[in-house]
């Protein structure tokens, strides 16, 4: 963990790692989110990414996603790519949910 981490939690970090792996693909998407509606500090529950997430984020931020991963700043990248999910508090905290879909 860097001395001054950025924004985002473990689900956002995982989503950005997957986004890097599926970049350019048109047949895969991936969801990582907390069932309580929160993922680390902030109001985001997680993210849903696809093969275009990295390209969208790079265009807006001009930053390599690997830099954001190293700086524990996945939330900033996913905000720029438009992939964050906000549900608000759900009143439950069952688990983190990860779903991959190949279509």
PDB file of N, CA and C in Angstrom:
ATOM      1  N   UNK A   1       0.842  -1.163   0.000  1.00  0.00           N
ATOM      2  CA  UNK A   1       0.000   0.000   0.000  1.00  0.00           C
ATOM      3  C   UNK A   1       0.900   1.243   0.000  1.00  0.00           C
ATOM      4  N   UNK A   2       0.638   2.180  -0.899  1.00  0.00           N
ATOM      5  CA  UNK A   2       1.450   3.401  -0.918  1.00  0.00           C
ATOM      6  C   UNK A   2       1.196   4.252   0.330  1.00  0.00           C
ATOM      7  N   UNK A   3       2.122   5.122   0.635  1.00  0.00           N
ATOM      8  CA  UNK A   3       2.005   5.979   1.815  1.00  0.00           C
ATOM      9  C   UNK A   3       0.749   6.853   1.756  1.00  0.00           C
ATOM     10  N   UNK A   4       0.416   7.360   0.575  1.00  0.00           N
ATOM     11  CA  UNK A   4      -0.761   8.210   0.401  1.00  0.00           C
ATOM     12  C   UNK A   4      -1.655   7.613  -0.689  1.00  0.00           C
ATOM     13  N   UNK A   5      -2.467   6.617  -0.320  1.00  0.00           N
ATOM     14  CA  UNK A   5      -3.320   5.985  -1.342  1.00  0.00           C
ATOM     15  C   UNK A   5      -4.351   6.961  -1.891  1.00  0.00           C
ATOM     16  N   UNK A   6      -4.779   6.685  -3.115  1.00  0.00           N
ATOM     17  CA  UNK A   6      -5.799   7.498  -3.757  1.00  0.00           C
ATOM     18  C   UNK A   6      -7.184   7.016  -3.368  1.00  0.00           C
ATOM     19  N   UNK A   7      -8.117   7.108  -4.306  1.00  0.00           N
ATOM     20  CA  UNK A   7      -9.490   6.708  -4.001  1.00  0.00           C
ATOM     21  C   UNK A   7      -9.788   5.313  -4.549  1.00  0.00           C
ATOM     22  N   UNK A   8     -10.753   4.672  -3.919  1.00  0.00           N
ATOM     23  CA  UNK A   8     -11.166   3.342  -4.357  1.00  0.00           C
ATOM     24  C   UNK A   8     -10.854   2.293  -3.314  1.00  0.00           C
ATOM     25  N   UNK A   9     -11.589   1.209  -3.389  1.00  0.00           N
ATOM     26  CA  UNK A   9     -11.420   0.095  -2.470  1.00  0.00           C
ATOM     27  C   UNK A   9     -11.006  -1.165  -3.207  1.00  0.00           C
ATOM     28  N   UNK A  10     -11.076  -2.283  -2.507  1.00  0.00           N
ATOM     29  CA  UNK A  10     -10.582  -3.541  -3.071  1.00  0.00           C
ATOM     30  C   UNK A  10     -11.359  -3.983  -4.302  1.00  0.00           C
ATOM     31  N   UNK A  11     -12.666  -3.726  -4.350  1.00  0.00           N
ATOM     32  CA  UNK A  11     -13.440  -4.118  -5.529  1.00  0.00           C
ATOM     33  C   UNK A  11     -13.076  -3.272  -6.744  1.00  0.00           C
ATOM     34  N   UNK A  12     -12.864  -1.986  -6.531  1.00  0.00           N
ATOM     35  CA  UNK A  12     -12.458  -1.123  -7.634  1.00  0.00           C
ATOM     36  C   UNK A  12     -11.069  -1.503  -8.136  1.00  0.00           C
ATOM     37  N   UNK A  13     -10.201  -1.854  -7.213  1.00  0.00           N
ATOM     38  CA  UNK A  13      -8.855  -2.285  -7.603  1.00  0.00           C
ATOM     39  C   UNK A  13      -8.940  -3.550  -8.463  1.00  0.00           C
ATOM     40  N   UNK A  14      -9.726  -4.521  -8.009  1.00  0.00           N
ATOM     41  CA  UNK A  14      -9.890  -5.759  -8.771  1.00  0.00           C
ATOM     42  C   UNK A  14     -10.501  -5.474 -10.143  1.00  0.00           C
ATOM     43  N   UNK A  15     -11.511  -4.624 -10.184  1.00  0.00           N
ATOM     44  CA  UNK A  15     -12.158  -4.296 -11.461  1.00  0.00           C
ATOM     45  C   UNK A  15     -11.158  -3.678 -12.435  1.00  0.00           C
ATOM     46  N   UNK A  16     -10.280  -2.812 -11.944  1.00  0.00           N
ATOM     47  CA  UNK A  16      -9.301  -2.194 -12.843  1.00  0.00           C
ATOM     48  C   UNK A  16      -8.256  -3.210 -13.300  1.00  0.00           C
ATOM     49  N   UNK A  17      -7.857  -4.118 -12.424  1.00  0.00           N
ATOM     50  CA  UNK A  17      -6.934  -5.190 -12.838  1.00  0.00           C
ATOM     51  C   UNK A  17      -7.559  -5.998 -13.975  1.00  0.00           C
ATOM     52  N   UNK A  18      -8.827  -6.371 -13.810  1.00  0.00           N
ATOM     53  CA  UNK A  18      -9.517  -7.142 -14.849  1.00  0.00           C
ATOM     54  C   UNK A  18      -9.658  -6.307 -16.119  1.00  0.00           C
ATOM     55  N   UNK A  19      -9.990  -5.024 -15.977  1.00  0.00           N
ATOM     56  CA  UNK A  19     -10.126  -4.150 -17.156  1.00  0.00           C
ATOM     57  C   UNK A  19      -8.839  -4.144 -17.973  1.00  0.00           C
ATOM     58  N   UNK A  20      -7.708  -4.145 -17.302  1.00  0.00           N
ATOM     59  CA  UNK A  20      -6.424  -4.175 -18.016  1.00  0.00           C
ATOM     60  C   UNK A  20      -6.259  -5.493 -18.775  1.00  0.00           C
ATOM     61  N   UNK A  21      -6.737  -6.578 -18.185  1.00  0.00           N
ATOM     62  CA  UNK A  21      -6.610  -7.896 -18.818  1.00  0.00           C
ATOM     63  C   UNK A  21      -7.542  -8.075 -20.019  1.00  0.00           C
ATOM     64  N   UNK A  22      -8.703  -7.435 -19.996  1.00  0.00           N
ATOM     65  CA  UNK A  22      -9.685  -7.622 -21.075  1.00  0.00           C
ATOM     66  C   UNK A  22      -9.711  -6.443 -22.045  1.00  0.00           C
ATOM     67  N   UNK A  23      -8.785  -5.512 -21.901  1.00  0.00           N
ATOM     68  CA  UNK A  23      -8.756  -4.318 -22.760  1.00  0.00           C
ATOM     69  C   UNK A  23      -8.801  -4.704 -24.238  1.00  0.00           C
ATOM     70  N   UNK A  24      -9.702  -4.066 -24.957  1.00  0.00           N
ATOM     71  CA  UNK A  24      -9.834  -4.297 -26.389  1.00  0.00           C
ATOM     72  C   UNK A  24     -10.808  -5.399 -26.756  1.00  0.00           C
ATOM     73  N   UNK A  25     -11.204  -6.207 -25.798  1.00  0.00           N
ATOM     74  CA  UNK A  25     -12.162  -7.286 -26.091  1.00  0.00           C
ATOM     75  C   UNK A  25     -13.571  -6.723 -26.132  1.00  0.00           C
ATOM     76  N   UNK A  26     -14.393  -7.317 -26.974  1.00  0.00           N
ATOM     77  CA  UNK A  26     -15.772  -6.862 -27.111  1.00  0.00           C
ATOM     78  C   UNK A  26     -16.775  -7.883 -26.599  1.00  0.00           C
ATOM     79  N   UNK A  27     -16.274  -8.931 -25.940  1.00  0.00           N
ATOM     80  CA  UNK A  27     -17.150 -10.029 -25.540  1.00  0.00           C
ATOM     81  C   UNK A  27     -17.093 -10.363 -24.056  1.00  0.00           C
ATOM     82  N   UNK A  28     -16.564  -9.444 -23.243  1.00  0.00           N
ATOM     83  CA  UNK A  28     -16.402  -9.722 -21.822  1.00  0.00           C
ATOM     84  C   UNK A  28     -16.731  -8.472 -21.015  1.00  0.00           C
ATOM     85  N   UNK A  29     -17.408  -8.674 -19.885  1.00  0.00           N
ATOM     86  CA  UNK A  29     -17.558  -7.605 -18.895  1.00  0.00           C
ATOM     87  C   UNK A  29     -17.408  -8.239 -17.510  1.00  0.00           C
ATOM     88  N   UNK A  30     -17.134  -7.399 -16.520  1.00  0.00           N
ATOM     89  CA  UNK A  30     -16.844  -7.897 -15.174  1.00  0.00           C
ATOM     90  C   UNK A  30     -17.356  -6.905 -14.148  1.00  0.00           C
ATOM     91  N   UNK A  31     -18.031  -7.425 -13.138  1.00  0.00           N
ATOM     92  CA  UNK A  31     -18.554  -6.633 -12.027  1.00  0.00           C
ATOM     93  C   UNK A  31     -17.848  -7.032 -10.747  1.00  0.00           C
ATOM     94  N   UNK A  32     -17.426  -6.054  -9.962  1.00  0.00           N
ATOM     95  CA  UNK A  32     -16.914  -6.284  -8.611  1.00  0.00           C
ATOM     96  C   UNK A  32     -17.516  -5.199  -7.731  1.00  0.00           C
ATOM     97  N   UNK A  33     -18.285  -5.605  -6.723  1.00  0.00           N
ATOM     98  CA  UNK A  33     -18.970  -4.628  -5.876  1.00  0.00           C
ATOM     99  C   UNK A  33     -19.252  -5.206  -4.503  1.00  0.00           C
ATOM    100  N   UNK A  34     -19.389  -4.326  -3.530  1.00  0.00           N
ATOM    101  CA  UNK A  34     -19.765  -4.711  -2.180  1.00  0.00           C
ATOM    102  C   UNK A  34     -21.275  -4.701  -2.037  1.00  0.00           C
ATOM    103  N   UNK A  35     -21.831  -5.749  -1.436  1.00  0.00           N
ATOM    104  CA  UNK A  35     -23.283  -5.829  -1.306  1.00  0.00           C
ATOM    105  C   UNK A  35     -23.842  -4.790  -0.334  1.00  0.00           C
ATOM    106  N   UNK A  36     -22.976  -4.187   0.474  1.00  0.00           N
ATOM    107  CA  UNK A  36     -23.451  -3.145   1.388  1.00  0.00           C
ATOM    108  C   UNK A  36     -23.540  -1.776   0.713  1.00  0.00           C
ATOM    109  N   UNK A  37     -23.102  -1.691  -0.525  1.00  0.00           N
ATOM    110  CA  UNK A  37     -23.151  -0.427  -1.260  1.00  0.00           C
ATOM    111  C   UNK A  37     -21.912   0.419  -1.090  1.00  0.00           C
ATOM    112  N   UNK A  38     -20.898  -0.106  -0.422  1.00  0.00           N
ATOM    113  CA  UNK A  38     -19.660   0.640  -0.215  1.00  0.00           C
ATOM    114  C   UNK A  38     -18.441  -0.188  -0.556  1.00  0.00           C
ATOM    115  N   UNK A  39     -17.400   0.499  -0.996  1.00  0.00           N
ATOM    116  CA  UNK A  39     -16.130  -0.147  -1.309  1.00  0.00           C
ATOM    117  C   UNK A  39     -15.021   0.834  -0.978  1.00  0.00           C
ATOM    118  N   UNK A  40     -14.490   0.736   0.223  1.00  0.00           N
ATOM    119  CA  UNK A  40     -13.474   1.679   0.643  1.00  0.00           C
ATOM    120  C   UNK A  40     -14.097   3.029   0.950  1.00  0.00           C
ATOM    121  N   UNK A  41     -13.262   4.061   1.088  1.00  0.00           N
ATOM    122  CA  UNK A  41     -13.804   5.390   1.351  1.00  0.00           C
ATOM    123  C   UNK A  41     -14.563   5.903   0.123  1.00  0.00           C
ATOM    124  N   UNK A  42     -15.568   6.670   0.340  1.00  0.00           N
ATOM    125  CA  UNK A  42     -16.353   7.197  -0.773  1.00  0.00           C
ATOM    126  C   UNK A  42     -17.705   6.535  -0.850  1.00  0.00           C
ATOM    127  N   UNK A  43     -18.456   6.859  -1.868  1.00  0.00           N
ATOM    128  CA  UNK A  43     -19.831   6.390  -1.994  1.00  0.00           C
ATOM    129  C   UNK A  43     -20.022   5.339  -3.085  1.00  0.00           C
ATOM    130  N   UNK A  44     -18.952   4.837  -3.630  1.00  0.00           N
ATOM    131  CA  UNK A  44     -19.044   3.860  -4.713  1.00  0.00           C
ATOM    132  C   UNK A  44     -19.076   2.445  -4.156  1.00  0.00           C
ATOM    133  N   UNK A  45     -19.918   1.602  -4.759  1.00  0.00           N
ATOM    134  CA  UNK A  45     -20.024   0.202  -4.337  1.00  0.00           C
ATOM    135  C   UNK A  45     -18.984  -0.666  -5.022  1.00  0.00           C
ATOM    136  N   UNK A  46     -18.476  -0.230  -6.157  1.00  0.00           N
ATOM    137  CA  UNK A  46     -17.536  -1.000  -6.957  1.00  0.00           C
ATOM    138  C   UNK A  46     -17.584  -0.508  -8.382  1.00  0.00           C
ATOM    139  N   UNK A  47     -17.403  -1.429  -9.330  1.00  0.00           N
ATOM    140  CA  UNK A  47     -17.375  -1.030 -10.737  1.00  0.00           C
ATOM    141  C   UNK A  47     -17.760  -2.199 -11.627  1.00  0.00           C
ATOM    142  N   UNK A  48     -18.233  -1.854 -12.803  1.00  0.00           N
ATOM    143  CA  UNK A  48     -18.448  -2.842 -13.855  1.00  0.00           C
ATOM    144  C   UNK A  48     -17.627  -2.371 -15.050  1.00  0.00           C
ATOM    145  N   UNK A  49     -16.732  -3.231 -15.513  1.00  0.00           N
ATOM    146  CA  UNK A  49     -15.786  -2.870 -16.573  1.00  0.00           C
ATOM    147  C   UNK A  49     -15.987  -3.755 -17.794  1.00  0.00           C
ATOM    148  N   UNK A  50     -15.507  -3.262 -18.924  1.00  0.00           N
ATOM    149  CA  UNK A  50     -15.559  -4.022 -20.171  1.00  0.00           C
ATOM    150  C   UNK A  50     -14.282  -3.753 -20.952  1.00  0.00           C
ATOM    151  N   UNK A  51     -14.225  -4.247 -22.154  1.00  0.00           N
ATOM    152  CA  UNK A  51     -13.030  -4.112 -22.975  1.00  0.00           C
ATOM    153  C   UNK A  51     -12.680  -2.683 -23.361  1.00  0.00           C
ATOM    154  N   UNK A  52     -13.604  -1.764 -23.198  1.00  0.00           N
ATOM    155  CA  UNK A  52     -13.354  -0.362 -23.519  1.00  0.00           C
ATOM    156  C   UNK A  52     -13.001   0.504 -22.325  1.00  0.00           C
ATOM    157  N   UNK A  53     -13.037  -0.056 -21.130  1.00  0.00           N
ATOM    158  CA  UNK A  53     -12.808   0.731 -19.911  1.00  0.00           C
ATOM    159  C   UNK A  53     -11.445   1.411 -19.890  1.00  0.00           C
ATOM    160  N   UNK A  54     -10.399   0.678 -20.223  1.00  0.00           N
ATOM    161  CA  UNK A  54      -9.051   1.247 -20.188  1.00  0.00           C
ATOM    162  C   UNK A  54      -8.929   2.391 -21.194  1.00  0.00           C
ATOM    163  N   UNK A  55      -9.439   2.202 -22.402  1.00  0.00           N
ATOM    164  CA  UNK A  55      -9.373   3.258 -23.411  1.00  0.00           C
ATOM    165  C   UNK A  55     -10.123   4.502 -22.988  1.00  0.00           C
ATOM    166  N   UNK A  56     -11.320   4.339 -22.410  1.00  0.00           N
ATOM    167  CA  UNK A  56     -12.108   5.492 -21.962  1.00  0.00           C
ATOM    168  C   UNK A  56     -11.383   6.245 -20.854  1.00  0.00           C
ATOM    169  N   UNK A  57     -10.861   5.508 -19.893  1.00  0.00           N
ATOM    170  CA  UNK A  57     -10.155   6.142 -18.781  1.00  0.00           C
ATOM    171  C   UNK A  57      -8.893   6.851 -19.213  1.00  0.00           C
ATOM    172  N   UNK A  58      -8.138   6.246 -20.120  1.00  0.00           N
ATOM    173  CA  UNK A  58      -6.906   6.872 -20.621  1.00  0.00           C
ATOM    174  C   UNK A  58      -7.212   8.154 -21.381  1.00  0.00           C
ATOM    175  N   UNK A  59      -8.284   8.143 -22.185  1.00  0.00           N
ATOM    176  CA  UNK A  59      -8.646   9.349 -22.937  1.00  0.00           C
ATOM    177  C   UNK A  59      -8.977  10.516 -22.011  1.00  0.00           C
ATOM    178  N   UNK A  60      -9.704  10.236 -20.940  1.00  0.00           N
ATOM    179  CA  UNK A  60     -10.132  11.295 -20.028  1.00  0.00           C
ATOM    180  C   UNK A  60      -8.989  11.739 -19.121  1.00  0.00           C
ATOM    181  N   UNK A  61      -8.285  10.778 -18.513  1.00  0.00           N
ATOM    182  CA  UNK A  61      -7.245  11.102 -17.540  1.00  0.00           C
ATOM    183  C   UNK A  61      -5.877  11.341 -18.156  1.00  0.00           C
ATOM    184  N   UNK A  62      -5.597  10.635 -19.244  1.00  0.00           N
ATOM    185  CA  UNK A  62      -4.250  10.707 -19.800  1.00  0.00           C
ATOM    186  C   UNK A  62      -3.238   9.995 -18.914  1.00  0.00           C
ATOM    187  N   UNK A  63      -3.696   9.033 -18.127  1.00  0.00           N
ATOM    188  CA  UNK A  63      -2.845   8.306 -17.191  1.00  0.00           C
ATOM    189  C   UNK A  63      -2.965   6.808 -17.462  1.00  0.00           C
ATOM    190  N   UNK A  64      -1.863   6.109 -17.400  1.00  0.00           N
ATOM    191  CA  UNK A  64      -1.845   4.660 -17.558  1.00  0.00           C
ATOM    192  C   UNK A  64      -2.544   4.028 -16.351  1.00  0.00           C
ATOM    193  N   UNK A  65      -3.429   3.066 -16.566  1.00  0.00           N
ATOM    194  CA  UNK A  65      -4.110   2.437 -15.428  1.00  0.00           C
ATOM    195  C   UNK A  65      -3.148   1.758 -14.461  1.00  0.00           C
ATOM    196  N   UNK A  66      -2.010   1.293 -14.944  1.00  0.00           N
ATOM    197  CA  UNK A  66      -1.029   0.655 -14.064  1.00  0.00           C
ATOM    198  C   UNK A  66      -0.517   1.646 -13.015  1.00  0.00           C
ATOM    199  N   UNK A  67      -0.406   2.915 -13.388  1.00  0.00           N
ATOM    200  CA  UNK A  67       0.008   3.948 -12.431  1.00  0.00           C
ATOM    201  C   UNK A  67      -1.030   4.068 -11.329  1.00  0.00           C
ATOM    202  N   UNK A  68      -2.305   4.087 -11.716  1.00  0.00           N
ATOM    203  CA  UNK A  68      -3.378   4.169 -10.723  1.00  0.00           C
ATOM    204  C   UNK A  68      -3.388   2.937  -9.826  1.00  0.00           C
ATOM    205  N   UNK A  69      -3.139   1.771 -10.383  1.00  0.00           N
ATOM    206  CA  UNK A  69      -3.081   0.562  -9.563  1.00  0.00           C
ATOM    207  C   UNK A  69      -1.942   0.644  -8.553  1.00  0.00           C
ATOM    208  N   UNK A  70      -0.786   1.080  -8.989  1.00  0.00           N
ATOM    209  CA  UNK A  70       0.375   1.200  -8.105  1.00  0.00           C
ATOM    210  C   UNK A  70       0.123   2.200  -6.987  1.00  0.00           C
ATOM    211  N   UNK A  71      -0.625   3.247  -7.289  1.00  0.00           N
ATOM    212  CA  UNK A  71      -0.901   4.297  -6.306  1.00  0.00           C
ATOM    213  C   UNK A  71      -2.179   4.040  -5.509  1.00  0.00           C
ATOM    214  N   UNK A  72      -2.771   2.838  -5.647  1.00  0.00           N
ATOM    215  CA  UNK A  72      -4.042   2.510  -4.978  1.00  0.00           C
ATOM    216  C   UNK A  72      -5.070   3.599  -5.267  1.00  0.00           C
ATOM    217  N   UNK A  73      -5.192   3.956  -6.544  1.00  0.00           N
ATOM    218  CA  UNK A  73      -6.060   5.043  -6.992  1.00  0.00           C
ATOM    219  C   UNK A  73      -6.981   4.569  -8.114  1.00  0.00           C
ATOM    220  N   UNK A  74      -7.445   3.339  -7.995  1.00  0.00           N
ATOM    221  CA  UNK A  74      -8.310   2.766  -9.030  1.00  0.00           C
ATOM    222  C   UNK A  74      -9.603   3.537  -9.195  1.00  0.00           C
ATOM    223  N   UNK A  75     -10.129   4.057  -8.103  1.00  0.00           N
ATOM    224  CA  UNK A  75     -11.388   4.790  -8.162  1.00  0.00           C
ATOM    225  C   UNK A  75     -11.321   5.996  -9.071  1.00  0.00           C
ATOM    226  N   UNK A  76     -10.197   6.684  -9.062  1.00  0.00           N
ATOM    227  CA  UNK A  76     -10.050   7.866  -9.931  1.00  0.00           C
ATOM    228  C   UNK A  76     -10.087   7.452 -11.393  1.00  0.00           C
ATOM    229  N   UNK A  77      -9.413   6.367 -11.731  1.00  0.00           N
ATOM    230  CA  UNK A  77      -9.413   5.896 -13.113  1.00  0.00           C
ATOM    231  C   UNK A  77     -10.804   5.444 -13.526  1.00  0.00           C
ATOM    232  N   UNK A  78     -11.465   4.673 -12.669  1.00  0.00           N
ATOM    233  CA  UNK A  78     -12.790   4.146 -12.996  1.00  0.00           C
ATOM    234  C   UNK A  78     -13.854   5.243 -13.039  1.00  0.00           C
ATOM    235  N   UNK A  79     -13.648   6.291 -12.288  1.00  0.00           N
ATOM    236  CA  UNK A  79     -14.544   7.445 -12.388  1.00  0.00           C
ATOM    237  C   UNK A  79     -14.390   8.086 -13.764  1.00  0.00           C
ATOM    238  N   UNK A  80     -13.156   8.232 -14.217  1.00  0.00           N
ATOM    239  CA  UNK A  80     -12.894   8.820 -15.536  1.00  0.00           C
ATOM    240  C   UNK A  80     -13.453   7.957 -16.656  1.00  0.00           C
ATOM    241  N   UNK A  81     -13.415   6.641 -16.491  1.00  0.00           N
ATOM    242  CA  UNK A  81     -13.917   5.744 -17.543  1.00  0.00           C
ATOM    243  C   UNK A  81     -15.436   5.592 -17.497  1.00  0.00           C
ATOM    244  N   UNK A  82     -16.051   6.079 -16.429  1.00  0.00           N
ATOM    245  CA  UNK A  82     -17.506   5.992 -16.305  1.00  0.00           C
ATOM    246  C   UNK A  82     -17.996   4.646 -15.828  1.00  0.00           C
ATOM    247  N   UNK A  83     -17.148   3.879 -15.149  1.00  0.00           N
ATOM    248  CA  UNK A  83     -17.481   2.507 -14.785  1.00  0.00           C
ATOM    249  C   UNK A  83     -17.841   2.284 -13.315  1.00  0.00           C
ATOM    250  N   UNK A  84     -17.819   3.333 -12.499  1.00  0.00           N
ATOM    251  CA  UNK A  84     -18.157   3.157 -11.087  1.00  0.00           C
ATOM    252  C   UNK A  84     -19.648   2.898 -10.908  1.00  0.00           C
ATOM    253  N   UNK A  85     -19.978   2.174  -9.851  1.00  0.00           N
ATOM    254  CA  UNK A  85     -21.371   1.875  -9.504  1.00  0.00           C
ATOM    255  C   UNK A  85     -21.668   2.521  -8.156  1.00  0.00           C
ATOM    256  N   UNK A  86     -22.755   3.260  -8.093  1.00  0.00           N
ATOM    257  CA  UNK A  86     -23.227   3.825  -6.834  1.00  0.00           C
ATOM    258  C   UNK A  86     -24.633   3.316  -6.571  1.00  0.00           C
ATOM    259  N   UNK A  87     -24.799   2.578  -5.483  1.00  0.00           N
ATOM    260  CA  UNK A  87     -26.109   2.046  -5.118  1.00  0.00           C
ATOM    261  C   UNK A  87     -26.683   2.742  -3.900  1.00  0.00           C
ATOM    262  N   UNK A  88     -25.834   3.404  -3.138  1.00  0.00           N
ATOM    263  CA  UNK A  88     -26.242   3.895  -1.831  1.00  0.00           C
ATOM    264  C   UNK A  88     -26.224   2.733  -0.853  1.00  0.00           C
ATOM    265  N   UNK A  89     -26.359   3.029   0.437  1.00  0.00           N
ATOM    266  CA  UNK A  89     -26.350   1.959   1.441  1.00  0.00           C
ATOM    267  C   UNK A  89     -27.496   0.977   1.200  1.00  0.00           C
ATOM    268  N   UNK A  90     -27.193  -0.308   1.275  1.00  0.00           N
ATOM    269  CA  UNK A  90     -28.206  -1.331   1.006  1.00  0.00           C
ATOM    270  C   UNK A  90     -28.816  -1.915   2.277  1.00  0.00           C
ATOM    271  N   UNK A  91     -28.183  -1.661   3.415  1.00  0.00           N
ATOM    272  CA  UNK A  91     -28.686  -2.221   4.664  1.00  0.00           C
ATOM    273  C   UNK A  91     -28.275  -3.665   4.883  1.00  0.00           C
ATOM    274  N   UNK A  92     -27.406  -4.175   4.051  1.00  0.00           N
ATOM    275  CA  UNK A  92     -26.914  -5.547   4.208  1.00  0.00           C
ATOM    276  C   UNK A  92     -25.417  -5.561   3.920  1.00  0.00           C
ATOM    277  N   UNK A  93     -24.732  -6.500   4.492  1.00  0.00           N
ATOM    278  CA  UNK A  93     -23.303  -6.638   4.246  1.00  0.00           C
ATOM    279  C   UNK A  93     -22.977  -8.121   4.169  1.00  0.00           C
ATOM    280  N   UNK A  94     -23.460  -8.751   3.123  1.00  0.00           N
ATOM    281  CA  UNK A  94     -23.304 -10.190   2.972  1.00  0.00           C
ATOM    282  C   UNK A  94     -21.914 -10.552   2.464  1.00  0.00           C
ATOM    283  N   UNK A  95     -21.455  -9.843   1.426  1.00  0.00           N
ATOM    284  CA  UNK A  95     -20.191 -10.220   0.813  1.00  0.00           C
ATOM    285  C   UNK A  95     -19.805  -9.218  -0.265  1.00  0.00           C
ATOM    286  N   UNK A  96     -18.657  -9.445  -0.856  1.00  0.00           N
ATOM    287  CA  UNK A  96     -18.290  -8.789  -2.105  1.00  0.00           C
ATOM    288  C   UNK A  96     -18.767  -9.705  -3.218  1.00  0.00           C
ATOM    289  N   UNK A  97     -19.226  -9.115  -4.283  1.00  0.00           N
ATOM    290  CA  UNK A  97     -19.794  -9.867  -5.390  1.00  0.00           C
ATOM    291  C   UNK A  97     -18.939  -9.641  -6.635  1.00  0.00           C
ATOM    292  N   UNK A  98     -18.522 -10.709  -7.277  1.00  0.00           N
ATOM    293  CA  UNK A  98     -17.772 -10.643  -8.528  1.00  0.00           C
ATOM    294  C   UNK A  98     -18.491 -11.499  -9.564  1.00  0.00           C
ATOM    295  N   UNK A  99     -18.766 -10.906 -10.696  1.00  0.00           N
ATOM    296  CA  UNK A  99     -19.431 -11.615 -11.776  1.00  0.00           C
ATOM    297  C   UNK A  99     -18.722 -11.305 -13.084  1.00  0.00           C
ATOM    298  N   UNK A 100     -18.304 -12.324 -13.788  1.00  0.00           N
ATOM    299  CA  UNK A 100     -17.723 -12.158 -15.109  1.00  0.00           C
ATOM    300  C   UNK A 100     -18.699 -12.715 -16.141  1.00  0.00           C
ATOM    301  N   UNK A 101     -18.837 -12.021 -17.240  1.00  0.00           N
ATOM    302  CA  UNK A 101     -19.743 -12.446 -18.291  1.00  0.00           C
ATOM    303  C   UNK A 101     -19.021 -12.424 -19.629  1.00  0.00           C
ATOM    304  N   UNK A 102     -19.015 -13.552 -20.306  1.00  0.00           N
ATOM    305  CA  UNK A 102     -18.488 -13.641 -21.669  1.00  0.00           C
ATOM    306  C   UNK A 102     -19.679 -13.889 -22.574  1.00  0.00           C
ATOM    307  N   UNK A 103     -19.874 -13.032 -23.583  1.00  0.00           N
ATOM    308  CA  UNK A 103     -21.036 -13.155 -24.451  1.00  0.00           C
ATOM    309  C   UNK A 103     -20.653 -13.204 -25.894  1.00  0.00           C
TER     310      UNK A 103
END
